[in-house]
């Protein structure tokens, strides 16, 4: 871990680092039944990495809602293909539980867009950029925070691929899983460094940056 000696990193420095990705189990949920089963497993967790992916828009005025929801547990990353499985009741329960932390970078827009699919009360979300900024870290994006804290870079190759297609490629799945996995690991790294006030209530939703 490079932190806390280094608090800023350039794109050139990031590009010099070796590339890594999530290598653990990935479960893809395409049906409501699969989503409910996965959500039931995730309801047993206390900390989840969180992210979404949306089909990119290339025309003025074109706008899409999230096609994929990624949640990383201590053992597995779950990918929910929302056009097929939808936001099921147990998933909504999970997103509303204040005692299950959902952590990641740039969460507010993701959550706001998920609410456009199915309204829910968001609780237990923690913005990692807020923690990094309070520690005087200059780079607040996921890729830069990964480089600063873990000393490797992640691929962004699949970022603008079509996340709404019925069958995701292996590359898309690994990319999506990596982002959620890193969110969870970054939170744990911040906690290890004493940057998270564990004595404070964790039931709120922190979207500030």
N, C-alpha and C. Protein backbone atom coordinates (compact mmCIF):
# COMPACT_ATOMS: atom_id res chain seq x y z
N UNK A 1 0.83 -1.19 0.00
CA UNK A 1 0.00 0.00 0.00
C UNK A 1 0.87 1.25 0.00
N UNK A 2 0.59 2.19 -0.88
CA UNK A 2 1.40 3.39 -0.98
C UNK A 2 0.95 4.48 -0.01
N UNK A 3 -0.30 4.48 0.33
CA UNK A 3 -0.85 5.50 1.24
C UNK A 3 -0.28 5.30 2.64
N UNK A 4 0.00 6.34 3.46
CA UNK A 4 -0.34 7.74 3.22
C UNK A 4 0.81 8.58 2.70
N UNK A 5 1.93 7.96 2.30
CA UNK A 5 3.07 8.76 1.86
C UNK A 5 2.73 9.61 0.64
N UNK A 6 1.88 9.09 -0.24
CA UNK A 6 1.57 9.77 -1.49
C UNK A 6 0.09 10.14 -1.50
N UNK A 7 -0.22 11.40 -1.77
CA UNK A 7 -1.61 11.84 -1.74
C UNK A 7 -2.10 12.35 -3.09
N UNK A 8 -1.24 12.26 -4.10
CA UNK A 8 -1.61 12.72 -5.43
C UNK A 8 -0.86 11.89 -6.44
N UNK A 9 -1.50 11.60 -7.57
CA UNK A 9 -0.86 10.79 -8.60
C UNK A 9 -1.34 11.27 -9.97
N UNK A 10 -0.43 11.27 -10.94
CA UNK A 10 -0.78 11.72 -12.29
C UNK A 10 -1.24 10.54 -13.14
N UNK A 11 -1.89 10.85 -14.26
CA UNK A 11 -2.30 9.81 -15.20
C UNK A 11 -1.10 9.05 -15.72
N UNK A 12 -0.01 9.77 -15.96
CA UNK A 12 1.21 9.12 -16.46
C UNK A 12 1.75 8.13 -15.44
N UNK A 13 1.72 8.51 -14.17
CA UNK A 13 2.19 7.60 -13.12
C UNK A 13 1.29 6.38 -13.00
N UNK A 14 -0.01 6.60 -13.11
CA UNK A 14 -0.95 5.46 -13.06
C UNK A 14 -0.68 4.49 -14.19
N UNK A 15 -0.43 5.02 -15.38
CA UNK A 15 -0.21 4.17 -16.56
C UNK A 15 1.07 3.36 -16.48
N UNK A 16 1.97 3.74 -15.57
CA UNK A 16 3.20 2.98 -15.38
C UNK A 16 2.99 1.76 -14.48
N UNK A 17 1.88 1.72 -13.77
CA UNK A 17 1.62 0.64 -12.82
C UNK A 17 1.13 -0.62 -13.54
N UNK A 18 1.35 -1.76 -12.91
CA UNK A 18 0.84 -3.01 -13.46
C UNK A 18 -0.68 -3.06 -13.30
N UNK A 19 -1.33 -3.82 -14.17
CA UNK A 19 -2.78 -3.88 -14.17
C UNK A 19 -3.26 -5.10 -13.38
N UNK A 20 -4.32 -4.90 -12.61
CA UNK A 20 -4.94 -6.00 -11.88
C UNK A 20 -6.45 -5.91 -12.01
N UNK A 21 -7.12 -7.05 -11.74
CA UNK A 21 -8.58 -7.09 -11.80
C UNK A 21 -9.07 -8.11 -10.78
N UNK A 22 -10.35 -8.07 -10.52
CA UNK A 22 -10.98 -9.03 -9.62
C UNK A 22 -10.90 -10.43 -10.21
N UNK A 23 -10.50 -11.39 -9.39
CA UNK A 23 -10.33 -12.76 -9.87
C UNK A 23 -11.23 -13.76 -9.15
N UNK A 24 -12.11 -13.27 -8.29
CA UNK A 24 -12.96 -14.17 -7.50
C UNK A 24 -14.25 -14.55 -8.21
N UNK A 25 -15.15 -15.21 -7.49
CA UNK A 25 -16.41 -15.66 -8.09
C UNK A 25 -17.34 -14.50 -8.43
N UNK A 26 -18.01 -14.63 -9.57
CA UNK A 26 -18.99 -13.64 -10.03
C UNK A 26 -20.31 -14.37 -10.28
N UNK A 27 -21.39 -13.85 -9.73
CA UNK A 27 -22.72 -14.41 -9.94
C UNK A 27 -23.54 -13.38 -10.72
N UNK A 28 -24.04 -13.78 -11.89
CA UNK A 28 -24.85 -12.89 -12.72
C UNK A 28 -26.32 -13.24 -12.56
N UNK A 29 -27.13 -12.26 -12.23
CA UNK A 29 -28.57 -12.46 -12.01
C UNK A 29 -29.35 -11.86 -13.17
N UNK A 30 -30.12 -12.71 -13.85
CA UNK A 30 -30.89 -12.26 -15.01
C UNK A 30 -32.40 -12.31 -14.77
N UNK A 31 -32.84 -13.09 -13.80
CA UNK A 31 -34.27 -13.23 -13.54
C UNK A 31 -34.60 -12.68 -12.15
N UNK A 32 -35.85 -12.29 -11.92
CA UNK A 32 -36.24 -11.84 -10.58
C UNK A 32 -35.96 -12.88 -9.51
N UNK A 33 -36.15 -14.14 -9.85
CA UNK A 33 -35.91 -15.21 -8.88
C UNK A 33 -34.44 -15.28 -8.49
N UNK A 34 -33.56 -15.17 -9.48
CA UNK A 34 -32.12 -15.16 -9.19
C UNK A 34 -31.73 -13.94 -8.36
N UNK A 35 -32.33 -12.81 -8.68
CA UNK A 35 -32.03 -11.58 -7.94
C UNK A 35 -32.47 -11.68 -6.49
N UNK A 36 -33.64 -12.24 -6.25
CA UNK A 36 -34.14 -12.40 -4.89
C UNK A 36 -33.25 -13.36 -4.08
N UNK A 37 -32.82 -14.43 -4.71
CA UNK A 37 -31.94 -15.39 -4.03
C UNK A 37 -30.60 -14.73 -3.67
N UNK A 38 -30.04 -13.97 -4.60
CA UNK A 38 -28.77 -13.29 -4.34
C UNK A 38 -28.93 -12.23 -3.27
N UNK A 39 -30.01 -11.46 -3.34
CA UNK A 39 -30.24 -10.41 -2.35
C UNK A 39 -30.39 -10.99 -0.96
N UNK A 40 -31.02 -12.16 -0.86
CA UNK A 40 -31.16 -12.81 0.44
C UNK A 40 -29.79 -13.13 1.04
N UNK A 41 -28.87 -13.57 0.19
CA UNK A 41 -27.49 -13.81 0.65
C UNK A 41 -26.85 -12.50 1.10
N UNK A 42 -27.03 -11.46 0.33
CA UNK A 42 -26.39 -10.18 0.62
C UNK A 42 -26.97 -9.50 1.86
N UNK A 43 -28.19 -9.83 2.22
CA UNK A 43 -28.79 -9.27 3.43
C UNK A 43 -28.11 -9.76 4.70
N UNK A 44 -27.26 -10.78 4.57
CA UNK A 44 -26.50 -11.28 5.72
C UNK A 44 -25.19 -10.51 5.91
N UNK A 45 -24.84 -9.66 4.95
CA UNK A 45 -23.58 -8.93 5.00
C UNK A 45 -23.75 -7.60 5.74
N UNK A 46 -22.63 -7.01 6.14
CA UNK A 46 -22.66 -5.68 6.78
C UNK A 46 -21.95 -4.62 5.93
N UNK A 47 -21.18 -5.06 4.93
CA UNK A 47 -20.42 -4.13 4.09
C UNK A 47 -20.40 -4.64 2.66
N UNK A 48 -20.86 -3.80 1.72
CA UNK A 48 -20.91 -4.18 0.31
C UNK A 48 -20.28 -3.10 -0.55
N UNK A 49 -19.45 -3.52 -1.50
CA UNK A 49 -19.02 -2.61 -2.54
C UNK A 49 -20.17 -2.39 -3.50
N UNK A 50 -20.32 -1.15 -3.98
CA UNK A 50 -21.49 -0.78 -4.79
C UNK A 50 -21.06 -0.04 -6.04
N UNK A 51 -21.72 -0.35 -7.16
CA UNK A 51 -21.51 0.41 -8.39
C UNK A 51 -22.65 0.09 -9.34
N UNK A 52 -22.80 0.91 -10.37
CA UNK A 52 -23.74 0.61 -11.45
C UNK A 52 -23.06 0.88 -12.78
N UNK A 53 -23.62 0.30 -13.84
CA UNK A 53 -23.16 0.58 -15.20
C UNK A 53 -24.37 0.94 -16.05
N UNK A 54 -24.17 1.88 -16.96
CA UNK A 54 -25.25 2.38 -17.81
C UNK A 54 -24.81 2.36 -19.26
N UNK A 55 -25.74 2.00 -20.13
CA UNK A 55 -25.45 2.05 -21.57
C UNK A 55 -25.03 3.47 -21.95
N UNK A 56 -23.90 3.63 -22.63
CA UNK A 56 -23.45 4.98 -22.98
C UNK A 56 -24.35 5.62 -24.03
N UNK A 57 -24.46 6.93 -23.97
CA UNK A 57 -25.24 7.67 -24.97
C UNK A 57 -24.28 8.51 -25.81
N UNK A 58 -24.49 8.48 -27.12
CA UNK A 58 -23.60 9.18 -28.04
C UNK A 58 -24.31 10.28 -28.83
N UNK A 59 -25.61 10.44 -28.58
CA UNK A 59 -26.37 11.48 -29.27
C UNK A 59 -26.90 12.50 -28.27
N UNK A 60 -26.99 13.73 -28.70
CA UNK A 60 -27.51 14.79 -27.85
C UNK A 60 -28.95 14.47 -27.44
N UNK A 61 -29.22 14.57 -26.15
CA UNK A 61 -30.56 14.31 -25.65
C UNK A 61 -30.83 12.86 -25.33
N UNK A 62 -29.91 11.97 -25.71
CA UNK A 62 -30.08 10.54 -25.44
C UNK A 62 -29.72 10.27 -23.98
N UNK A 63 -30.54 9.46 -23.31
CA UNK A 63 -30.34 9.25 -21.88
C UNK A 63 -30.81 7.85 -21.51
N UNK A 64 -30.00 7.14 -20.75
CA UNK A 64 -30.35 5.80 -20.32
C UNK A 64 -30.23 5.68 -18.80
N UNK A 65 -31.03 4.79 -18.24
CA UNK A 65 -30.95 4.48 -16.82
C UNK A 65 -30.05 3.27 -16.61
N UNK A 66 -29.59 3.02 -15.39
CA UNK A 66 -28.64 1.92 -15.16
C UNK A 66 -29.15 0.58 -15.68
N UNK A 67 -28.25 -0.13 -16.33
CA UNK A 67 -28.57 -1.46 -16.84
C UNK A 67 -28.02 -2.55 -15.93
N UNK A 68 -27.03 -2.20 -15.12
CA UNK A 68 -26.37 -3.20 -14.28
C UNK A 68 -26.12 -2.63 -12.89
N UNK A 69 -26.41 -3.43 -11.88
CA UNK A 69 -26.09 -3.10 -10.49
C UNK A 69 -25.08 -4.13 -10.00
N UNK A 70 -23.96 -3.65 -9.44
CA UNK A 70 -22.93 -4.53 -8.92
C UNK A 70 -22.84 -4.39 -7.41
N UNK A 71 -22.84 -5.51 -6.70
CA UNK A 71 -22.69 -5.52 -5.25
C UNK A 71 -21.65 -6.57 -4.88
N UNK A 72 -20.62 -6.13 -4.17
CA UNK A 72 -19.51 -7.02 -3.80
C UNK A 72 -19.59 -7.35 -2.32
N UNK A 73 -19.69 -8.64 -2.02
CA UNK A 73 -19.66 -9.10 -0.63
C UNK A 73 -18.23 -9.48 -0.26
N UNK A 74 -18.07 -10.08 0.89
CA UNK A 74 -16.74 -10.49 1.33
C UNK A 74 -16.19 -11.64 0.49
N UNK A 75 -17.07 -12.37 -0.20
CA UNK A 75 -16.64 -13.55 -0.94
C UNK A 75 -16.93 -13.50 -2.44
N UNK A 76 -17.97 -12.77 -2.84
CA UNK A 76 -18.50 -12.87 -4.20
C UNK A 76 -18.95 -11.50 -4.68
N UNK A 77 -18.87 -11.29 -6.01
CA UNK A 77 -19.48 -10.10 -6.61
C UNK A 77 -20.72 -10.54 -7.38
N UNK A 78 -21.83 -9.88 -7.11
CA UNK A 78 -23.10 -10.17 -7.76
C UNK A 78 -23.40 -9.07 -8.78
N UNK A 79 -23.77 -9.49 -9.99
CA UNK A 79 -24.13 -8.57 -11.06
C UNK A 79 -25.61 -8.75 -11.37
N UNK A 80 -26.37 -7.68 -11.24
CA UNK A 80 -27.81 -7.72 -11.48
C UNK A 80 -28.12 -7.01 -12.79
N UNK A 81 -28.55 -7.77 -13.80
CA UNK A 81 -28.91 -7.18 -15.09
C UNK A 81 -30.34 -6.63 -14.99
N UNK A 82 -30.43 -5.35 -14.70
CA UNK A 82 -31.69 -4.75 -14.26
C UNK A 82 -32.78 -4.75 -15.32
N UNK A 83 -32.41 -4.74 -16.59
CA UNK A 83 -33.43 -4.79 -17.64
C UNK A 83 -34.16 -6.13 -17.64
N UNK A 84 -33.51 -7.13 -17.05
CA UNK A 84 -34.10 -8.47 -17.04
C UNK A 84 -34.63 -8.88 -15.66
N UNK A 85 -33.85 -8.60 -14.62
CA UNK A 85 -34.27 -9.06 -13.28
C UNK A 85 -35.04 -8.01 -12.51
N UNK A 86 -34.89 -6.74 -12.85
CA UNK A 86 -35.52 -5.59 -12.18
C UNK A 86 -34.99 -5.41 -10.75
N UNK A 87 -35.39 -4.31 -10.14
CA UNK A 87 -35.09 -4.09 -8.71
C UNK A 87 -36.17 -4.80 -7.91
N UNK A 88 -35.86 -5.98 -7.43
CA UNK A 88 -36.83 -6.82 -6.74
C UNK A 88 -37.04 -6.35 -5.30
N UNK A 89 -38.08 -6.84 -4.62
CA UNK A 89 -38.34 -6.41 -3.24
C UNK A 89 -37.16 -6.58 -2.29
N UNK A 90 -36.45 -7.70 -2.37
CA UNK A 90 -35.32 -7.90 -1.47
C UNK A 90 -34.13 -7.00 -1.84
N UNK A 91 -33.97 -6.71 -3.11
CA UNK A 91 -32.93 -5.76 -3.50
C UNK A 91 -33.24 -4.37 -2.96
N UNK A 92 -34.50 -3.97 -3.05
CA UNK A 92 -34.90 -2.67 -2.51
C UNK A 92 -34.71 -2.64 -0.99
N UNK A 93 -35.04 -3.75 -0.34
CA UNK A 93 -34.80 -3.84 1.11
C UNK A 93 -33.32 -3.66 1.42
N UNK A 94 -32.48 -4.28 0.62
CA UNK A 94 -31.03 -4.19 0.81
C UNK A 94 -30.53 -2.75 0.64
N UNK A 95 -31.02 -2.08 -0.38
CA UNK A 95 -30.61 -0.70 -0.65
C UNK A 95 -31.15 0.28 0.39
N UNK A 96 -32.16 -0.15 1.14
CA UNK A 96 -32.79 0.72 2.14
C UNK A 96 -32.30 0.46 3.56
N UNK A 97 -31.55 -0.62 3.74
CA UNK A 97 -31.12 -0.99 5.10
C UNK A 97 -29.97 -0.11 5.57
N UNK A 98 -30.15 0.66 6.66
CA UNK A 98 -29.07 1.52 7.15
C UNK A 98 -27.93 0.76 7.80
N UNK A 99 -28.19 -0.49 8.23
CA UNK A 99 -27.16 -1.27 8.91
C UNK A 99 -26.29 -2.07 7.95
N UNK A 100 -26.59 -2.02 6.66
CA UNK A 100 -25.74 -2.66 5.65
C UNK A 100 -25.11 -1.54 4.82
N UNK A 101 -23.82 -1.32 5.00
CA UNK A 101 -23.16 -0.22 4.30
C UNK A 101 -22.92 -0.58 2.84
N UNK A 102 -23.26 0.34 1.96
CA UNK A 102 -22.98 0.23 0.53
C UNK A 102 -21.97 1.32 0.20
N UNK A 103 -20.78 0.93 -0.23
CA UNK A 103 -19.69 1.90 -0.36
C UNK A 103 -19.18 1.94 -1.80
N UNK A 104 -18.78 3.15 -2.24
CA UNK A 104 -18.26 3.31 -3.58
C UNK A 104 -17.91 4.76 -3.86
N UNK A 105 -17.63 5.04 -5.12
CA UNK A 105 -17.23 6.39 -5.56
C UNK A 105 -18.32 6.96 -6.47
N UNK A 106 -18.65 8.23 -6.27
CA UNK A 106 -19.68 8.92 -7.08
C UNK A 106 -21.02 8.20 -7.01
N UNK A 107 -21.48 7.97 -5.79
CA UNK A 107 -22.68 7.18 -5.56
C UNK A 107 -23.98 7.92 -5.85
N UNK A 108 -24.00 9.22 -5.61
CA UNK A 108 -25.28 9.93 -5.62
C UNK A 108 -26.02 9.80 -6.95
N UNK A 109 -25.31 9.99 -8.04
CA UNK A 109 -25.96 9.88 -9.35
C UNK A 109 -26.46 8.45 -9.58
N UNK A 110 -25.65 7.47 -9.20
CA UNK A 110 -26.06 6.07 -9.37
C UNK A 110 -27.36 5.80 -8.62
N UNK A 111 -27.42 6.24 -7.37
CA UNK A 111 -28.61 5.99 -6.54
C UNK A 111 -29.81 6.75 -7.09
N UNK A 112 -29.61 8.00 -7.47
CA UNK A 112 -30.72 8.79 -8.03
C UNK A 112 -31.29 8.13 -9.28
N UNK A 113 -30.42 7.57 -10.11
CA UNK A 113 -30.89 6.93 -11.33
C UNK A 113 -31.58 5.59 -11.04
N UNK A 114 -31.09 4.86 -10.05
CA UNK A 114 -31.77 3.62 -9.65
C UNK A 114 -33.18 3.92 -9.16
N UNK A 115 -33.34 5.03 -8.46
CA UNK A 115 -34.66 5.42 -7.95
C UNK A 115 -35.63 5.72 -9.09
N UNK A 116 -35.11 6.08 -10.25
CA UNK A 116 -35.98 6.32 -11.40
C UNK A 116 -36.51 5.01 -11.97
N UNK A 117 -35.79 3.92 -11.73
CA UNK A 117 -36.28 2.60 -12.13
C UNK A 117 -37.39 2.13 -11.20
N UNK A 118 -37.12 2.22 -9.90
CA UNK A 118 -38.08 1.86 -8.86
C UNK A 118 -37.81 2.73 -7.64
N UNK A 119 -38.75 3.54 -7.21
CA UNK A 119 -38.51 4.41 -6.05
C UNK A 119 -38.21 3.60 -4.79
N UNK A 120 -37.25 4.06 -4.00
CA UNK A 120 -36.93 3.44 -2.72
C UNK A 120 -36.24 4.48 -1.84
N UNK A 121 -36.19 4.21 -0.55
CA UNK A 121 -35.50 5.08 0.39
C UNK A 121 -34.07 4.58 0.56
N UNK A 122 -33.12 5.38 0.15
CA UNK A 122 -31.71 4.98 0.20
C UNK A 122 -31.13 5.22 1.59
N UNK A 123 -30.55 4.18 2.16
CA UNK A 123 -29.89 4.29 3.46
C UNK A 123 -28.61 3.47 3.46
N UNK A 124 -27.64 3.91 4.26
CA UNK A 124 -26.42 3.15 4.44
C UNK A 124 -25.39 3.31 3.33
N UNK A 125 -25.49 4.36 2.52
CA UNK A 125 -24.52 4.60 1.45
C UNK A 125 -23.39 5.50 1.95
N UNK A 126 -22.17 5.13 1.62
CA UNK A 126 -20.99 5.89 2.05
C UNK A 126 -20.15 6.24 0.84
N UNK A 127 -19.91 7.54 0.63
CA UNK A 127 -19.12 8.05 -0.49
C UNK A 127 -17.64 8.03 -0.14
N UNK A 128 -16.86 7.22 -0.85
CA UNK A 128 -15.43 7.10 -0.56
C UNK A 128 -14.66 8.37 -0.90
N UNK A 129 -15.13 9.12 -1.89
CA UNK A 129 -14.43 10.37 -2.25
C UNK A 129 -14.46 11.36 -1.09
N UNK A 130 -15.52 11.34 -0.30
CA UNK A 130 -15.62 12.22 0.86
C UNK A 130 -14.54 11.88 1.89
N UNK A 131 -14.34 10.59 2.12
CA UNK A 131 -13.31 10.14 3.06
C UNK A 131 -11.93 10.52 2.55
N UNK A 132 -11.70 10.31 1.26
CA UNK A 132 -10.40 10.63 0.67
C UNK A 132 -10.12 12.13 0.74
N UNK A 133 -11.13 12.93 0.44
CA UNK A 133 -10.96 14.38 0.46
C UNK A 133 -10.63 14.87 1.87
N UNK A 134 -11.26 14.28 2.88
CA UNK A 134 -10.99 14.66 4.27
C UNK A 134 -9.57 14.31 4.69
N UNK A 135 -8.98 13.32 4.00
CA UNK A 135 -7.60 12.93 4.27
C UNK A 135 -6.60 13.68 3.39
N UNK A 136 -7.09 14.72 2.70
CA UNK A 136 -6.26 15.56 1.83
C UNK A 136 -5.70 14.83 0.62
N UNK A 137 -6.38 13.77 0.21
CA UNK A 137 -6.02 13.09 -1.03
C UNK A 137 -6.59 13.91 -2.19
N UNK A 138 -5.77 14.16 -3.19
CA UNK A 138 -6.16 15.06 -4.27
C UNK A 138 -6.97 14.37 -5.36
N UNK A 139 -6.66 13.10 -5.63
CA UNK A 139 -7.35 12.36 -6.68
C UNK A 139 -8.50 11.57 -6.06
N UNK A 140 -9.72 11.79 -6.52
CA UNK A 140 -10.88 11.22 -5.85
C UNK A 140 -11.60 10.15 -6.66
N UNK A 141 -11.14 9.86 -7.87
CA UNK A 141 -11.77 8.83 -8.68
C UNK A 141 -11.32 7.44 -8.27
N UNK A 142 -12.10 6.43 -8.68
CA UNK A 142 -11.80 5.05 -8.30
C UNK A 142 -10.45 4.59 -8.82
N UNK A 143 -10.14 4.91 -10.08
CA UNK A 143 -8.88 4.46 -10.68
C UNK A 143 -7.68 5.06 -9.95
N UNK A 144 -7.75 6.35 -9.63
CA UNK A 144 -6.64 7.02 -8.96
C UNK A 144 -6.51 6.56 -7.51
N UNK A 145 -7.63 6.40 -6.81
CA UNK A 145 -7.57 5.93 -5.43
C UNK A 145 -6.99 4.52 -5.35
N UNK A 146 -7.34 3.69 -6.32
CA UNK A 146 -6.77 2.34 -6.38
C UNK A 146 -5.26 2.41 -6.56
N UNK A 147 -4.81 3.27 -7.45
CA UNK A 147 -3.37 3.42 -7.69
C UNK A 147 -2.66 3.92 -6.44
N UNK A 148 -3.24 4.89 -5.75
CA UNK A 148 -2.61 5.48 -4.57
C UNK A 148 -2.55 4.51 -3.40
N UNK A 149 -3.63 3.79 -3.16
CA UNK A 149 -3.70 2.93 -1.98
C UNK A 149 -3.15 1.53 -2.21
N UNK A 150 -3.32 1.02 -3.44
CA UNK A 150 -2.95 -0.37 -3.68
C UNK A 150 -1.78 -0.55 -4.65
N UNK A 151 -1.42 0.52 -5.36
CA UNK A 151 -0.24 0.43 -6.22
C UNK A 151 -0.43 -0.32 -7.51
N UNK A 152 -1.67 -0.44 -8.00
CA UNK A 152 -1.90 -1.03 -9.33
C UNK A 152 -2.98 -0.23 -10.04
N UNK A 153 -3.12 -0.47 -11.33
CA UNK A 153 -4.14 0.23 -12.12
C UNK A 153 -5.19 -0.76 -12.60
N UNK A 154 -6.34 -0.22 -12.94
CA UNK A 154 -7.43 -1.05 -13.45
C UNK A 154 -7.77 -0.64 -14.87
N UNK A 155 -8.24 -1.60 -15.64
CA UNK A 155 -8.60 -1.35 -17.03
C UNK A 155 -9.92 -0.58 -17.10
N UNK A 156 -10.01 0.36 -18.03
CA UNK A 156 -11.26 1.07 -18.30
C UNK A 156 -11.78 0.73 -19.70
N UNK A 157 -11.26 -0.35 -20.27
CA UNK A 157 -11.57 -0.72 -21.65
C UNK A 157 -13.07 -0.90 -21.90
N UNK A 158 -13.76 -1.51 -20.95
CA UNK A 158 -15.18 -1.83 -21.16
C UNK A 158 -16.12 -0.72 -20.71
N UNK A 159 -15.58 0.40 -20.27
CA UNK A 159 -16.41 1.44 -19.65
C UNK A 159 -17.54 1.91 -20.54
N UNK A 160 -17.29 2.10 -21.82
CA UNK A 160 -18.31 2.62 -22.72
C UNK A 160 -18.90 1.53 -23.61
N UNK A 161 -18.86 0.29 -23.14
CA UNK A 161 -19.49 -0.80 -23.89
C UNK A 161 -21.00 -0.81 -23.62
N UNK A 162 -21.72 -1.65 -24.34
CA UNK A 162 -23.18 -1.70 -24.20
C UNK A 162 -23.57 -2.57 -23.01
N UNK A 163 -23.90 -1.92 -21.91
CA UNK A 163 -24.26 -2.64 -20.69
C UNK A 163 -25.70 -3.13 -20.72
N UNK A 164 -26.47 -2.73 -21.70
CA UNK A 164 -27.88 -3.13 -21.76
C UNK A 164 -28.09 -4.41 -22.57
N UNK A 165 -27.04 -4.94 -23.18
CA UNK A 165 -27.25 -6.14 -23.99
C UNK A 165 -27.56 -7.35 -23.11
N UNK A 166 -28.25 -8.31 -23.71
CA UNK A 166 -28.77 -9.45 -22.93
C UNK A 166 -27.66 -10.31 -22.37
N UNK A 167 -26.61 -10.52 -23.13
CA UNK A 167 -25.49 -11.36 -22.69
C UNK A 167 -24.24 -10.50 -22.55
N UNK A 168 -23.77 -10.33 -21.34
CA UNK A 168 -22.54 -9.57 -21.12
C UNK A 168 -21.34 -10.44 -21.43
N UNK A 169 -20.29 -9.83 -21.97
CA UNK A 169 -19.06 -10.56 -22.24
C UNK A 169 -18.31 -10.82 -20.95
N UNK A 170 -17.37 -11.76 -21.00
CA UNK A 170 -16.54 -12.03 -19.82
C UNK A 170 -15.76 -10.78 -19.41
N UNK A 171 -15.32 -10.01 -20.41
CA UNK A 171 -14.60 -8.77 -20.13
C UNK A 171 -15.46 -7.76 -19.40
N UNK A 172 -16.71 -7.63 -19.83
CA UNK A 172 -17.64 -6.72 -19.15
C UNK A 172 -17.88 -7.16 -17.71
N UNK A 173 -18.07 -8.45 -17.51
CA UNK A 173 -18.34 -8.97 -16.17
C UNK A 173 -17.15 -8.70 -15.24
N UNK A 174 -15.95 -8.94 -15.75
CA UNK A 174 -14.76 -8.72 -14.91
C UNK A 174 -14.58 -7.24 -14.60
N UNK A 175 -14.80 -6.39 -15.59
CA UNK A 175 -14.70 -4.94 -15.37
C UNK A 175 -15.69 -4.49 -14.31
N UNK A 176 -16.94 -4.90 -14.45
CA UNK A 176 -17.99 -4.49 -13.52
C UNK A 176 -17.72 -5.02 -12.11
N UNK A 177 -17.30 -6.26 -12.03
CA UNK A 177 -17.01 -6.86 -10.72
C UNK A 177 -15.83 -6.17 -10.05
N UNK A 178 -14.84 -5.80 -10.84
CA UNK A 178 -13.64 -5.15 -10.28
C UNK A 178 -13.99 -3.83 -9.61
N UNK A 179 -14.86 -3.04 -10.23
CA UNK A 179 -15.22 -1.74 -9.66
C UNK A 179 -15.89 -1.90 -8.29
N UNK A 180 -16.82 -2.84 -8.17
CA UNK A 180 -17.51 -3.04 -6.90
C UNK A 180 -16.57 -3.63 -5.84
N UNK A 181 -15.76 -4.57 -6.25
CA UNK A 181 -14.76 -5.19 -5.35
C UNK A 181 -13.80 -4.15 -4.79
N UNK A 182 -13.36 -3.25 -5.65
CA UNK A 182 -12.44 -2.21 -5.19
C UNK A 182 -13.11 -1.24 -4.23
N UNK A 183 -14.37 -0.93 -4.47
CA UNK A 183 -15.08 -0.05 -3.54
C UNK A 183 -15.04 -0.59 -2.13
N UNK A 184 -15.32 -1.86 -2.00
CA UNK A 184 -15.30 -2.50 -0.67
C UNK A 184 -13.89 -2.49 -0.08
N UNK A 185 -12.90 -2.83 -0.90
CA UNK A 185 -11.52 -2.89 -0.41
C UNK A 185 -10.98 -1.51 -0.04
N UNK A 186 -11.37 -0.49 -0.79
CA UNK A 186 -10.93 0.87 -0.46
C UNK A 186 -11.50 1.30 0.89
N UNK A 187 -12.76 0.99 1.13
CA UNK A 187 -13.35 1.32 2.43
C UNK A 187 -12.57 0.64 3.56
N UNK A 188 -12.26 -0.64 3.39
CA UNK A 188 -11.51 -1.37 4.41
C UNK A 188 -10.11 -0.79 4.60
N UNK A 189 -9.50 -0.33 3.50
CA UNK A 189 -8.17 0.29 3.60
C UNK A 189 -8.24 1.61 4.36
N UNK A 190 -9.24 2.41 4.06
CA UNK A 190 -9.42 3.67 4.81
C UNK A 190 -9.65 3.38 6.29
N UNK A 191 -10.43 2.35 6.57
CA UNK A 191 -10.71 2.00 7.96
C UNK A 191 -9.44 1.55 8.67
N UNK A 192 -8.63 0.76 7.99
CA UNK A 192 -7.36 0.28 8.55
C UNK A 192 -6.43 1.44 8.88
N UNK A 193 -6.48 2.49 8.07
CA UNK A 193 -5.62 3.66 8.28
C UNK A 193 -6.22 4.65 9.29
N UNK A 194 -7.36 4.30 9.87
CA UNK A 194 -7.96 5.17 10.87
C UNK A 194 -8.66 6.38 10.31
N UNK A 195 -9.05 6.32 9.03
CA UNK A 195 -9.69 7.47 8.38
C UNK A 195 -11.21 7.44 8.48
N UNK A 196 -11.76 6.38 9.06
CA UNK A 196 -13.20 6.26 9.21
C UNK A 196 -13.52 6.23 10.69
N UNK A 197 -14.43 7.09 11.09
CA UNK A 197 -14.83 7.17 12.50
C UNK A 197 -15.81 6.06 12.81
N UNK A 198 -15.30 4.94 13.30
CA UNK A 198 -16.15 3.79 13.55
C UNK A 198 -17.06 3.97 14.76
N UNK A 199 -16.78 4.99 15.58
CA UNK A 199 -17.64 5.23 16.74
C UNK A 199 -18.88 6.03 16.38
N UNK A 200 -18.84 6.66 15.20
CA UNK A 200 -20.00 7.45 14.76
C UNK A 200 -21.07 6.53 14.21
N UNK A 201 -22.34 6.93 14.27
CA UNK A 201 -23.41 6.10 13.71
C UNK A 201 -23.18 5.88 12.22
N UNK A 202 -23.42 4.65 11.77
CA UNK A 202 -23.20 4.32 10.36
C UNK A 202 -24.50 4.17 9.60
N UNK A 203 -25.58 4.66 10.18
CA UNK A 203 -26.89 4.44 9.58
C UNK A 203 -27.27 5.50 8.56
N UNK A 204 -26.51 6.56 8.46
CA UNK A 204 -26.87 7.63 7.55
C UNK A 204 -26.49 7.33 6.12
N UNK A 205 -26.82 8.25 5.25
CA UNK A 205 -26.44 8.16 3.85
C UNK A 205 -25.59 9.36 3.52
N UNK A 206 -24.32 9.12 3.23
CA UNK A 206 -23.37 10.21 3.01
C UNK A 206 -23.05 10.31 1.53
N UNK A 207 -23.62 11.31 0.86
CA UNK A 207 -23.33 11.53 -0.55
C UNK A 207 -22.48 12.76 -0.78
N UNK A 208 -22.06 13.43 0.29
CA UNK A 208 -21.32 14.69 0.13
C UNK A 208 -19.93 14.43 -0.41
N UNK A 209 -19.40 15.41 -1.14
CA UNK A 209 -18.03 15.31 -1.64
C UNK A 209 -17.32 16.63 -1.38
